[in-house]
Amino acid sequence: MNNKKEIIIGFIVGIIANTFGTLLYILLFSDLGIVETFNAAIDQGHIGSLLALGAILNLVAFFGFLRIKRDQRAKGVMLATLVTALVILLYKVMS
């Protein structure tokens, strides 16, 4: 299959895994609802930490793709993780 397409699939999987990881973290460890937790994280300046904890789920996707020999998809997951890190960095610099 086309390498570019495989990287895009991995990137999408990485973004979805990051989103699910963030939501899972909120549901497991927060007493507030999802929207209230996001608002509280923004108000307290912890949104970067919340997104970084959600990115932990990308490890599962990354190593899963490596295990089944889908290296290009693993690169896409890594790219999604780097994009998340850059978004967190920009947020921290801007605030």
PDB file of N, CA and C in Angstrom:
ATOM      1  N   MET A   1       0.837  -1.172   0.000  1.00  0.00           N
ATOM      2  CA  MET A   1       0.000   0.000   0.000  1.00  0.00           C
ATOM      3  C   MET A   1       0.889   1.246   0.000  1.00  0.00           C
ATOM      4  N   ASN A   2       0.337   2.333  -0.428  1.00  0.00           N
ATOM      5  CA  ASN A   2       1.057   3.593  -0.529  1.00  0.00           C
ATOM      6  C   ASN A   2       1.534   4.051   0.859  1.00  0.00           C
ATOM      7  N   ASN A   3       2.823   4.389   0.973  1.00  0.00           N
ATOM      8  CA  ASN A   3       3.403   4.798   2.259  1.00  0.00           C
ATOM      9  C   ASN A   3       2.725   6.035   2.840  1.00  0.00           C
ATOM     10  N   LYS A   4       2.415   7.008   1.980  1.00  0.00           N
ATOM     11  CA  LYS A   4       1.777   8.232   2.451  1.00  0.00           C
ATOM     12  C   LYS A   4       0.414   7.931   3.071  1.00  0.00           C
ATOM     13  N   LYS A   5      -0.333   7.042   2.439  1.00  0.00           N
ATOM     14  CA  LYS A   5      -1.651   6.658   2.953  1.00  0.00           C
ATOM     15  C   LYS A   5      -1.518   5.949   4.301  1.00  0.00           C
ATOM     16  N   GLU A   6      -0.515   5.112   4.435  1.00  0.00           N
ATOM     17  CA  GLU A   6      -0.283   4.393   5.690  1.00  0.00           C
ATOM     18  C   GLU A   6       0.071   5.353   6.822  1.00  0.00           C
ATOM     19  N   ILE A   7       0.876   6.360   6.529  1.00  0.00           N
ATOM     20  CA  ILE A   7       1.240   7.356   7.541  1.00  0.00           C
ATOM     21  C   ILE A   7       0.006   8.163   7.956  1.00  0.00           C
ATOM     22  N   ILE A   8      -0.836   8.513   6.992  1.00  0.00           N
ATOM     23  CA  ILE A   8      -2.062   9.252   7.307  1.00  0.00           C
ATOM     24  C   ILE A   8      -2.985   8.410   8.181  1.00  0.00           C
ATOM     25  N   ILE A   9      -3.116   7.128   7.881  1.00  0.00           N
ATOM     26  CA  ILE A   9      -3.934   6.238   8.710  1.00  0.00           C
ATOM     27  C   ILE A   9      -3.382   6.184  10.134  1.00  0.00           C
ATOM     28  N   GLY A  10      -2.075   6.066  10.267  1.00  0.00           N
ATOM     29  CA  GLY A  10      -1.446   6.063  11.583  1.00  0.00           C
ATOM     30  C   GLY A  10      -1.658   7.367  12.323  1.00  0.00           C
ATOM     31  N   PHE A  11      -1.587   8.491  11.595  1.00  0.00           N
ATOM     32  CA  PHE A  11      -1.813   9.802  12.208  1.00  0.00           C
ATOM     33  C   PHE A  11      -3.234   9.902  12.750  1.00  0.00           C
ATOM     34  N   ILE A  12      -4.193   9.465  11.966  1.00  0.00           N
ATOM     35  CA  ILE A  12      -5.593   9.498  12.405  1.00  0.00           C
ATOM     36  C   ILE A  12      -5.796   8.596  13.618  1.00  0.00           C
ATOM     37  N   VAL A  13      -5.205   7.410  13.586  1.00  0.00           N
ATOM     38  CA  VAL A  13      -5.293   6.512  14.742  1.00  0.00           C
ATOM     39  C   VAL A  13      -4.671   7.170  15.973  1.00  0.00           C
ATOM     40  N   GLY A  14      -3.550   7.863  15.801  1.00  0.00           N
ATOM     41  CA  GLY A  14      -2.892   8.546  16.915  1.00  0.00           C
ATOM     42  C   GLY A  14      -3.745   9.650  17.508  1.00  0.00           C
ATOM     43  N   ILE A  15      -4.408  10.430  16.663  1.00  0.00           N
ATOM     44  CA  ILE A  15      -5.281  11.499  17.146  1.00  0.00           C
ATOM     45  C   ILE A  15      -6.481  10.905  17.880  1.00  0.00           C
ATOM     46  N   ILE A  16      -7.055   9.843  17.331  1.00  0.00           N
ATOM     47  CA  ILE A  16      -8.192   9.183  17.982  1.00  0.00           C
ATOM     48  C   ILE A  16      -7.765   8.575  19.313  1.00  0.00           C
ATOM     49  N   ALA A  17      -6.603   7.932  19.343  1.00  0.00           N
ATOM     50  CA  ALA A  17      -6.111   7.330  20.595  1.00  0.00           C
ATOM     51  C   ALA A  17      -5.855   8.407  21.640  1.00  0.00           C
ATOM     52  N   ASN A  18      -5.314   9.545  21.225  1.00  0.00           N
ATOM     53  CA  ASN A  18      -5.071  10.643  22.150  1.00  0.00           C
ATOM     54  C   ASN A  18      -6.391  11.172  22.706  1.00  0.00           C
ATOM     55  N   THR A  19      -7.385  11.316  21.849  1.00  0.00           N
ATOM     56  CA  THR A  19      -8.699  11.788  22.293  1.00  0.00           C
ATOM     57  C   THR A  19      -9.325  10.814  23.277  1.00  0.00           C
ATOM     58  N   PHE A  20      -9.322   9.526  22.935  1.00  0.00           N
ATOM     59  CA  PHE A  20      -9.872   8.517  23.839  1.00  0.00           C
ATOM     60  C   PHE A  20      -9.092   8.462  25.146  1.00  0.00           C
ATOM     61  N   GLY A  21      -7.771   8.598  25.071  1.00  0.00           N
ATOM     62  CA  GLY A  21      -6.953   8.583  26.274  1.00  0.00           C
ATOM     63  C   GLY A  21      -7.276   9.739  27.203  1.00  0.00           C
ATOM     64  N   THR A  22      -7.469  10.912  26.626  1.00  0.00           N
ATOM     65  CA  THR A  22      -7.821  12.082  27.421  1.00  0.00           C
ATOM     66  C   THR A  22      -9.192  11.899  28.064  1.00  0.00           C
ATOM     67  N   LEU A  23     -10.157  11.437  27.276  1.00  0.00           N
ATOM     68  CA  LEU A  23     -11.504  11.213  27.810  1.00  0.00           C
ATOM     69  C   LEU A  23     -11.498  10.121  28.876  1.00  0.00           C
ATOM     70  N   LEU A  24     -10.741   9.073  28.646  1.00  0.00           N
ATOM     71  CA  LEU A  24     -10.656   7.988  29.626  1.00  0.00           C
ATOM     72  C   LEU A  24     -10.044   8.487  30.933  1.00  0.00           C
ATOM     73  N   TYR A  25      -9.007   9.289  30.837  1.00  0.00           N
ATOM     74  CA  TYR A  25      -8.384   9.853  32.033  1.00  0.00           C
ATOM     75  C   TYR A  25      -9.393  10.714  32.802  1.00  0.00           C
ATOM     76  N   ILE A  26     -10.143  11.533  32.080  1.00  0.00           N
ATOM     77  CA  ILE A  26     -11.141  12.393  32.731  1.00  0.00           C
ATOM     78  C   ILE A  26     -12.205  11.547  33.416  1.00  0.00           C
ATOM     79  N   LEU A  27     -12.695  10.531  32.718  1.00  0.00           N
ATOM     80  CA  LEU A  27     -13.764   9.700  33.285  1.00  0.00           C
ATOM     81  C   LEU A  27     -13.294   8.901  34.496  1.00  0.00           C
ATOM     82  N   LEU A  28     -12.047   8.469  34.493  1.00  0.00           N
ATOM     83  CA  LEU A  28     -11.550   7.657  35.601  1.00  0.00           C
ATOM     84  C   LEU A  28     -11.125   8.478  36.819  1.00  0.00           C
ATOM     85  N   PHE A  29     -10.545   9.645  36.591  1.00  0.00           N
ATOM     86  CA  PHE A  29      -9.894  10.366  37.686  1.00  0.00           C
ATOM     87  C   PHE A  29     -10.498  11.715  38.049  1.00  0.00           C
ATOM     88  N   SER A  30     -11.528  12.139  37.358  1.00  0.00           N
ATOM     89  CA  SER A  30     -12.117  13.436  37.655  1.00  0.00           C
ATOM     90  C   SER A  30     -13.509  13.263  38.249  1.00  0.00           C
ATOM     91  N   ASP A  31     -13.802  14.076  39.248  1.00  0.00           N
ATOM     92  CA  ASP A  31     -15.137  14.074  39.845  1.00  0.00           C
ATOM     93  C   ASP A  31     -16.110  14.922  39.037  1.00  0.00           C
ATOM     94  N   LEU A  32     -15.582  15.754  38.165  1.00  0.00           N
ATOM     95  CA  LEU A  32     -16.403  16.627  37.333  1.00  0.00           C
ATOM     96  C   LEU A  32     -16.741  15.944  36.018  1.00  0.00           C
ATOM     97  N   GLY A  33     -17.635  16.550  35.259  1.00  0.00           N
ATOM     98  CA  GLY A  33     -17.948  16.058  33.930  1.00  0.00           C
ATOM     99  C   GLY A  33     -16.831  16.401  32.952  1.00  0.00           C
ATOM    100  N   ILE A  34     -17.000  15.973  31.721  1.00  0.00           N
ATOM    101  CA  ILE A  34     -15.960  16.182  30.714  1.00  0.00           C
ATOM    102  C   ILE A  34     -15.757  17.667  30.429  1.00  0.00           C
ATOM    103  N   VAL A  35     -16.848  18.380  30.159  1.00  0.00           N
ATOM    104  CA  VAL A  35     -16.743  19.806  29.824  1.00  0.00           C
ATOM    105  C   VAL A  35     -16.230  20.597  31.026  1.00  0.00           C
ATOM    106  N   GLU A  36     -16.739  20.268  32.218  1.00  0.00           N
ATOM    107  CA  GLU A  36     -16.299  20.980  33.411  1.00  0.00           C
ATOM    108  C   GLU A  36     -14.809  20.742  33.688  1.00  0.00           C
ATOM    109  N   THR A  37     -14.350  19.517  33.445  1.00  0.00           N
ATOM    110  CA  THR A  37     -12.937  19.210  33.646  1.00  0.00           C
ATOM    111  C   THR A  37     -12.066  19.993  32.666  1.00  0.00           C
ATOM    112  N   PHE A  38     -12.476  20.065  31.391  1.00  0.00           N
ATOM    113  CA  PHE A  38     -11.722  20.845  30.416  1.00  0.00           C
ATOM    114  C   PHE A  38     -11.677  22.316  30.814  1.00  0.00           C
ATOM    115  N   ASN A  39     -12.815  22.861  31.227  1.00  0.00           N
ATOM    116  CA  ASN A  39     -12.854  24.268  31.635  1.00  0.00           C
ATOM    117  C   ASN A  39     -11.973  24.511  32.856  1.00  0.00           C
ATOM    118  N   ALA A  40     -12.021  23.596  33.824  1.00  0.00           N
ATOM    119  CA  ALA A  40     -11.177  23.734  35.016  1.00  0.00           C
ATOM    120  C   ALA A  40      -9.698  23.629  34.649  1.00  0.00           C
ATOM    121  N   ALA A  41      -9.362  22.724  33.723  1.00  0.00           N
ATOM    122  CA  ALA A  41      -7.969  22.573  33.294  1.00  0.00           C
ATOM    123  C   ALA A  41      -7.477  23.830  32.578  1.00  0.00           C
ATOM    124  N   ILE A  42      -8.330  24.435  31.795  1.00  0.00           N
ATOM    125  CA  ILE A  42      -7.952  25.676  31.104  1.00  0.00           C
ATOM    126  C   ILE A  42      -7.772  26.800  32.118  1.00  0.00           C
ATOM    127  N   ASP A  43      -8.718  26.920  33.053  1.00  0.00           N
ATOM    128  CA  ASP A  43      -8.641  27.985  34.063  1.00  0.00           C
ATOM    129  C   ASP A  43      -7.400  27.853  34.939  1.00  0.00           C
ATOM    130  N   GLN A  44      -7.025  26.618  35.264  1.00  0.00           N
ATOM    131  CA  GLN A  44      -5.892  26.380  36.159  1.00  0.00           C
ATOM    132  C   GLN A  44      -4.573  26.210  35.413  1.00  0.00           C
ATOM    133  N   GLY A  45      -4.619  26.228  34.074  1.00  0.00           N
ATOM    134  CA  GLY A  45      -3.402  26.096  33.282  1.00  0.00           C
ATOM    135  C   GLY A  45      -2.880  24.672  33.179  1.00  0.00           C
ATOM    136  N   HIS A  46      -3.767  23.687  33.299  1.00  0.00           N
ATOM    137  CA  HIS A  46      -3.354  22.283  33.257  1.00  0.00           C
ATOM    138  C   HIS A  46      -3.807  21.550  32.000  1.00  0.00           C
ATOM    139  N   ILE A  47      -4.234  22.266  30.994  1.00  0.00           N
ATOM    140  CA  ILE A  47      -4.727  21.598  29.784  1.00  0.00           C
ATOM    141  C   ILE A  47      -3.610  20.823  29.079  1.00  0.00           C
ATOM    142  N   GLY A  48      -2.391  21.347  29.126  1.00  0.00           N
ATOM    143  CA  GLY A  48      -1.259  20.651  28.522  1.00  0.00           C
ATOM    144  C   GLY A  48      -0.999  19.321  29.202  1.00  0.00           C
ATOM    145  N   SER A  49      -1.084  19.306  30.516  1.00  0.00           N
ATOM    146  CA  SER A  49      -0.893  18.061  31.269  1.00  0.00           C
ATOM    147  C   SER A  49      -1.988  17.060  30.943  1.00  0.00           C
ATOM    148  N   LEU A  50      -3.199  17.550  30.808  1.00  0.00           N
ATOM    149  CA  LEU A  50      -4.326  16.679  30.487  1.00  0.00           C
ATOM    150  C   LEU A  50      -4.140  16.030  29.111  1.00  0.00           C
ATOM    151  N   LEU A  51      -3.710  16.822  28.125  1.00  0.00           N
ATOM    152  CA  LEU A  51      -3.466  16.282  26.780  1.00  0.00           C
ATOM    153  C   LEU A  51      -2.280  15.319  26.773  1.00  0.00           C
ATOM    154  N   ALA A  52      -1.261  15.636  27.543  1.00  0.00           N
ATOM    155  CA  ALA A  52      -0.090  14.753  27.599  1.00  0.00           C
ATOM    156  C   ALA A  52      -0.445  13.411  28.220  1.00  0.00           C
ATOM    157  N   LEU A  53      -1.267  13.420  29.252  1.00  0.00           N
ATOM    158  CA  LEU A  53      -1.693  12.155  29.856  1.00  0.00           C
ATOM    159  C   LEU A  53      -2.558  11.354  28.889  1.00  0.00           C
ATOM    160  N   GLY A  54      -3.345  12.037  28.080  1.00  0.00           N
ATOM    161  CA  GLY A  54      -4.145  11.347  27.068  1.00  0.00           C
ATOM    162  C   GLY A  54      -3.284  10.716  25.989  1.00  0.00           C
ATOM    163  N   ALA A  55      -2.124  11.291  25.731  1.00  0.00           N
ATOM    164  CA  ALA A  55      -1.233  10.777  24.691  1.00  0.00           C
ATOM    165  C   ALA A  55      -0.564   9.463  25.083  1.00  0.00           C
ATOM    166  N   ILE A  56      -0.663   9.087  26.348  1.00  0.00           N
ATOM    167  CA  ILE A  56      -0.071   7.817  26.780  1.00  0.00           C
ATOM    168  C   ILE A  56      -0.693   6.648  26.022  1.00  0.00           C
ATOM    169  N   LEU A  57      -1.970   6.780  25.675  1.00  0.00           N
ATOM    170  CA  LEU A  57      -2.638   5.709  24.929  1.00  0.00           C
ATOM    171  C   LEU A  57      -2.022   5.518  23.539  1.00  0.00           C
ATOM    172  N   ASN A  58      -1.307   6.529  23.046  1.00  0.00           N
ATOM    173  CA  ASN A  58      -0.624   6.383  21.761  1.00  0.00           C
ATOM    174  C   ASN A  58       0.461   5.305  21.814  1.00  0.00           C
ATOM    175  N   LEU A  59       0.993   5.041  22.996  1.00  0.00           N
ATOM    176  CA  LEU A  59       1.989   3.972  23.131  1.00  0.00           C
ATOM    177  C   LEU A  59       1.428   2.621  22.699  1.00  0.00           C
ATOM    178  N   VAL A  60       0.176   2.374  23.061  1.00  0.00           N
ATOM    179  CA  VAL A  60      -0.466   1.112  22.690  1.00  0.00           C
ATOM    180  C   VAL A  60      -0.577   1.005  21.174  1.00  0.00           C
ATOM    181  N   ALA A  61      -1.041   2.087  20.548  1.00  0.00           N
ATOM    182  CA  ALA A  61      -1.173   2.083  19.090  1.00  0.00           C
ATOM    183  C   ALA A  61       0.189   1.954  18.418  1.00  0.00           C
ATOM    184  N   PHE A  62       1.176   2.699  18.907  1.00  0.00           N
ATOM    185  CA  PHE A  62       2.509   2.692  18.312  1.00  0.00           C
ATOM    186  C   PHE A  62       3.126   1.290  18.356  1.00  0.00           C
ATOM    187  N   PHE A  63       3.176   0.699  19.554  1.00  0.00           N
ATOM    188  CA  PHE A  63       3.792  -0.619  19.671  1.00  0.00           C
ATOM    189  C   PHE A  63       2.944  -1.715  19.039  1.00  0.00           C
ATOM    190  N   GLY A  64       1.626  -1.500  19.002  1.00  0.00           N
ATOM    191  CA  GLY A  64       0.759  -2.446  18.298  1.00  0.00           C
ATOM    192  C   GLY A  64       1.075  -2.483  16.813  1.00  0.00           C
ATOM    193  N   PHE A  65       1.244  -1.313  16.210  1.00  0.00           N
ATOM    194  CA  PHE A  65       1.603  -1.260  14.788  1.00  0.00           C
ATOM    195  C   PHE A  65       2.988  -1.843  14.539  1.00  0.00           C
ATOM    196  N   LEU A  66       3.923  -1.583  15.434  1.00  0.00           N
ATOM    197  CA  LEU A  66       5.255  -2.173  15.265  1.00  0.00           C
ATOM    198  C   LEU A  66       5.199  -3.688  15.365  1.00  0.00           C
ATOM    199  N   ARG A  67       4.374  -4.182  16.273  1.00  0.00           N
ATOM    200  CA  ARG A  67       4.274  -5.634  16.478  1.00  0.00           C
ATOM    201  C   ARG A  67       3.744  -6.350  15.232  1.00  0.00           C
ATOM    202  N   ILE A  68       2.786  -5.729  14.532  1.00  0.00           N
ATOM    203  CA  ILE A  68       2.224  -6.359  13.330  1.00  0.00           C
ATOM    204  C   ILE A  68       2.945  -5.901  12.059  1.00  0.00           C
ATOM    205  N   LYS A  69       4.121  -5.290  12.239  1.00  0.00           N
ATOM    206  CA  LYS A  69       4.991  -4.884  11.123  1.00  0.00           C
ATOM    207  C   LYS A  69       4.344  -3.830  10.221  1.00  0.00           C
ATOM    208  N   ARG A  70       3.670  -2.882  10.830  1.00  0.00           N
ATOM    209  CA  ARG A  70       3.107  -1.740  10.101  1.00  0.00           C
ATOM    210  C   ARG A  70       3.892  -0.489  10.498  1.00  0.00           C
ATOM    211  N   ASP A  71       5.137  -0.435  10.057  1.00  0.00           N
ATOM    212  CA  ASP A  71       6.051   0.625  10.466  1.00  0.00           C
ATOM    213  C   ASP A  71       5.589   2.012  10.023  1.00  0.00           C
ATOM    214  N   GLN A  72       5.004   2.122   8.830  1.00  0.00           N
ATOM    215  CA  GLN A  72       4.551   3.433   8.349  1.00  0.00           C
ATOM    216  C   GLN A  72       3.394   3.956   9.197  1.00  0.00           C
ATOM    217  N   ARG A  73       2.517   3.082   9.628  1.00  0.00           N
ATOM    218  CA  ARG A  73       1.419   3.497  10.508  1.00  0.00           C
ATOM    219  C   ARG A  73       1.975   3.918  11.871  1.00  0.00           C
ATOM    220  N   ALA A  74       2.987   3.214  12.347  1.00  0.00           N
ATOM    221  CA  ALA A  74       3.626   3.600  13.610  1.00  0.00           C
ATOM    222  C   ALA A  74       4.247   4.989  13.475  1.00  0.00           C
ATOM    223  N   LYS A  75       4.813   5.299  12.305  1.00  0.00           N
ATOM    224  CA  LYS A  75       5.350   6.644  12.069  1.00  0.00           C
ATOM    225  C   LYS A  75       4.237   7.686  12.140  1.00  0.00           C
ATOM    226  N   GLY A  76       3.066   7.347  11.617  1.00  0.00           N
ATOM    227  CA  GLY A  76       1.926   8.258  11.685  1.00  0.00           C
ATOM    228  C   GLY A  76       1.491   8.518  13.118  1.00  0.00           C
ATOM    229  N   VAL A  77       1.494   7.478  13.953  1.00  0.00           N
ATOM    230  CA  VAL A  77       1.159   7.647  15.369  1.00  0.00           C
ATOM    231  C   VAL A  77       2.199   8.536  16.040  1.00  0.00           C
ATOM    232  N   MET A  78       3.456   8.327  15.721  1.00  0.00           N
ATOM    233  CA  MET A  78       4.523   9.162  16.282  1.00  0.00           C
ATOM    234  C   MET A  78       4.345  10.618  15.842  1.00  0.00           C
ATOM    235  N   LEU A  79       3.966  10.819  14.598  1.00  0.00           N
ATOM    236  CA  LEU A  79       3.718  12.167  14.093  1.00  0.00           C
ATOM    237  C   LEU A  79       2.563  12.824  14.852  1.00  0.00           C
ATOM    238  N   ALA A  80       1.505  12.074  15.112  1.00  0.00           N
ATOM    239  CA  ALA A  80       0.373  12.609  15.880  1.00  0.00           C
ATOM    240  C   ALA A  80       0.815  12.984  17.295  1.00  0.00           C
ATOM    241  N   THR A  81       1.686  12.187  17.885  1.00  0.00           N
ATOM    242  CA  THR A  81       2.198  12.486  19.222  1.00  0.00           C
ATOM    243  C   THR A  81       3.047  13.752  19.203  1.00  0.00           C
ATOM    244  N   LEU A  82       3.859  13.910  18.176  1.00  0.00           N
ATOM    245  CA  LEU A  82       4.683  15.123  18.049  1.00  0.00           C
ATOM    246  C   LEU A  82       3.823  16.365  17.823  1.00  0.00           C
ATOM    247  N   VAL A  83       2.762  16.227  17.037  1.00  0.00           N
ATOM    248  CA  VAL A  83       1.850  17.351  16.819  1.00  0.00           C
ATOM    249  C   VAL A  83       1.185  17.745  18.142  1.00  0.00           C
ATOM    250  N   THR A  84       0.778  16.739  18.923  1.00  0.00           N
ATOM    251  CA  THR A  84       0.192  17.014  20.241  1.00  0.00           C
ATOM    252  C   THR A  84       1.193  17.749  21.125  1.00  0.00           C
ATOM    253  N   ALA A  85       2.442  17.311  21.113  1.00  0.00           N
ATOM    254  CA  ALA A  85       3.479  17.971  21.914  1.00  0.00           C
ATOM    255  C   ALA A  85       3.688  19.417  21.456  1.00  0.00           C
ATOM    256  N   LEU A  86       3.660  19.658  20.156  1.00  0.00           N
ATOM    257  CA  LEU A  86       3.816  21.023  19.645  1.00  0.00           C
ATOM    258  C   LEU A  86       2.631  21.902  20.028  1.00  0.00           C
ATOM    259  N   VAL A  87       1.424  21.339  20.005  1.00  0.00           N
ATOM    260  CA  VAL A  87       0.238  22.094  20.422  1.00  0.00           C
ATOM    261  C   VAL A  87       0.357  22.467  21.891  1.00  0.00           C
ATOM    262  N   ILE A  88       0.799  21.526  22.725  1.00  0.00           N
ATOM    263  CA  ILE A  88       0.986  21.805  24.150  1.00  0.00           C
ATOM    264  C   ILE A  88       2.044  22.889  24.337  1.00  0.00           C
ATOM    265  N   LEU A  89       3.146  22.783  23.607  1.00  0.00           N
ATOM    266  CA  LEU A  89       4.213  23.783  23.699  1.00  0.00           C
ATOM    267  C   LEU A  89       3.704  25.171  23.294  1.00  0.00           C
ATOM    268  N   LEU A  90       2.987  25.246  22.187  1.00  0.00           N
ATOM    269  CA  LEU A  90       2.453  26.540  21.742  1.00  0.00           C
ATOM    270  C   LEU A  90       1.472  27.106  22.759  1.00  0.00           C
ATOM    271  N   TYR A  91       0.659  26.238  23.345  1.00  0.00           N
ATOM    272  CA  TYR A  91      -0.290  26.702  24.358  1.00  0.00           C
ATOM    273  C   TYR A  91       0.445  27.271  25.569  1.00  0.00           C
ATOM    274  N   LYS A  92       1.501  26.578  25.992  1.00  0.00           N
ATOM    275  CA  LYS A  92       2.266  27.039  27.142  1.00  0.00           C
ATOM    276  C   LYS A  92       2.981  28.362  26.854  1.00  0.00           C
ATOM    277  N   VAL A  93       3.503  28.507  25.647  1.00  0.00           N
ATOM    278  CA  VAL A  93       4.208  29.735  25.276  1.00  0.00           C
ATOM    279  C   VAL A  93       3.237  30.911  25.138  1.00  0.00           C
ATOM    280  N   MET A  94       2.062  30.649  24.575  1.00  0.00           N
ATOM    281  CA  MET A  94       1.084  31.710  24.339  1.00  0.00           C
ATOM    282  C   MET A  94       0.416  32.190  25.623  1.00  0.00           C
ATOM    283  N   SER A  95       0.347  31.329  26.633  1.00  0.00           N
ATOM    284  CA  SER A  95      -0.361  31.742  27.857  1.00  0.00           C
ATOM    285  C   SER A  95       0.576  32.272  28.913  1.00  0.00           C
TER     286      SER A  95
END
